[in-house]
Amino acid sequence: MPVKKKPDVDFPDDPEELPYETRMEMAWEAYLDSNGKLSIRKAAEQHGIPLWERLRDRINGMKPWKVDAESRQKLSAKEERIIERHIQQLEVWGWPLIVSQL
């Protein structure tokens, strides 16, 4: 059975292998740890973040897009999954989807 790689552990030196949010957090920490010796642009570049402005915005308190978008949704992620499972079950049974059921 192949071993599933954990990007945070197996590729710590290659920023392109890590998820974007992880790289963003690492760049933010590097910027804060440098006490002004490392610019925001350099921190973003070192951690593979193509737009340094996003790191700047995050440092200045902007929420990640995904978190901000979730706060504007009418249904929570859990409610969406429940509806999705219900629709998939109707499909398995071969029953048509009726809007009033949602």
Protein backbone atom coordinates (compact mmCIF):
# COMPACT_ATOMS: atom_id res chain seq x y z
CA MET A 1 0.00 0.00 0.00
CA PRO A 2 1.55 3.33 -1.01
CA VAL A 3 2.30 5.79 1.75
CA LYS A 4 0.24 8.97 1.55
CA LYS A 5 2.52 11.98 1.68
CA LYS A 6 1.79 14.79 4.07
CA PRO A 7 2.83 18.02 2.35
CA ASP A 8 3.58 19.83 5.61
CA VAL A 9 6.02 17.11 6.68
CA ASP A 10 7.46 15.64 3.48
CA PHE A 11 8.14 18.85 1.53
CA PRO A 12 8.99 21.56 4.06
CA ASP A 13 11.61 23.21 1.83
CA ASP A 14 9.59 23.27 -1.40
CA PRO A 15 6.91 25.96 -1.08
CA GLU A 16 5.13 24.94 -4.28
CA GLU A 17 4.19 21.57 -2.76
CA LEU A 18 2.41 23.09 0.25
CA PRO A 19 -1.21 24.27 0.17
CA TYR A 20 -1.65 28.00 -0.48
CA GLU A 21 -3.02 28.75 2.99
CA THR A 22 -0.09 26.99 4.64
CA ARG A 23 2.37 28.98 2.54
CA MET A 24 0.51 32.19 3.41
CA GLU A 25 0.76 31.43 7.14
CA MET A 26 4.44 30.55 6.84
CA ALA A 27 5.16 33.80 4.97
CA TRP A 28 3.24 35.78 7.59
CA GLU A 29 5.19 34.12 10.42
CA ALA A 30 8.49 34.71 8.61
CA TYR A 31 7.63 38.38 8.17
CA LEU A 32 6.68 38.78 11.85
CA ASP A 33 9.71 36.83 13.09
CA SER A 34 12.12 38.98 11.09
CA ASN A 35 11.29 42.15 13.11
CA GLY A 36 11.30 44.33 10.01
CA LYS A 37 14.40 42.85 8.38
CA LEU A 38 12.36 40.92 5.80
CA SER A 39 10.01 42.84 3.52
CA ILE A 40 6.51 41.61 2.80
CA ARG A 41 7.48 41.17 -0.86
CA LYS A 42 10.50 39.03 -0.01
CA ALA A 43 8.51 36.90 2.45
CA ALA A 44 5.85 36.30 -0.21
CA GLU A 45 8.47 35.47 -2.82
CA GLN A 46 10.31 33.04 -0.54
CA HIS A 47 7.11 31.13 0.22
CA GLY A 48 5.77 30.94 -3.32
CA ILE A 49 2.96 33.49 -3.01
CA PRO A 50 2.58 35.11 -6.44
CA LEU A 51 0.81 38.30 -5.28
CA TRP A 52 2.58 39.93 -2.35
CA GLU A 53 -0.41 42.27 -1.92
CA ARG A 54 -2.47 39.36 -0.60
CA LEU A 55 0.08 38.77 2.14
CA ARG A 56 0.05 42.49 2.94
CA ASP A 57 -3.75 42.46 3.16
CA ARG A 58 -3.70 39.39 5.42
CA ILE A 59 -1.16 41.06 7.71
CA ASN A 60 -3.42 44.11 7.86
CA GLY A 61 -6.38 42.02 9.04
CA MET A 62 -8.17 40.91 5.89
CA LYS A 63 -9.89 37.52 6.19
CA PRO A 64 -9.11 34.70 3.76
CA TRP A 65 -11.52 34.70 0.82
CA LYS A 66 -12.93 31.29 1.68
CA VAL A 67 -13.71 32.26 5.28
CA ASP A 68 -15.24 35.56 4.23
CA ALA A 69 -17.39 33.91 1.54
CA GLU A 70 -18.72 31.34 4.03
CA SER A 71 -19.98 34.11 6.29
CA ARG A 72 -22.16 35.46 3.46
CA GLN A 73 -23.76 32.14 2.55
CA LYS A 74 -27.35 31.42 3.45
CA LEU A 75 -26.65 27.74 4.13
CA SER A 76 -23.81 26.42 6.23
CA ALA A 77 -21.39 23.91 4.75
CA LYS A 78 -23.01 21.19 6.86
CA GLU A 79 -26.50 22.02 5.53
CA GLU A 80 -25.18 21.96 1.96
CA ARG A 81 -23.67 18.49 2.50
CA ILE A 82 -26.97 17.21 3.91
CA ILE A 83 -28.90 18.47 0.88
CA GLU A 84 -26.26 17.06 -1.46
CA ARG A 85 -26.49 13.62 0.19
CA HIS A 86 -30.29 13.73 -0.07
CA ILE A 87 -30.12 14.53 -3.79
CA GLN A 88 -27.59 11.74 -4.37
CA GLN A 89 -29.82 9.27 -2.53
CA LEU A 90 -32.80 10.24 -4.69
CA GLU A 91 -30.63 9.64 -7.75
CA VAL A 92 -29.62 6.18 -6.48
CA TRP A 93 -33.27 5.31 -5.98
CA GLY A 94 -34.09 6.64 -9.45
CA TRP A 95 -36.55 9.19 -8.13
CA PRO A 96 -36.79 12.64 -9.74
CA LEU A 97 -35.79 15.68 -7.75
CA ILE A 98 -38.71 17.91 -6.80
CA VAL A 99 -37.93 21.45 -5.68
CA SER A 100 -40.53 21.30 -2.90
CA GLN A 101 -38.50 18.49 -1.32
CA LEU A 102 -35.57 20.80 -0.81
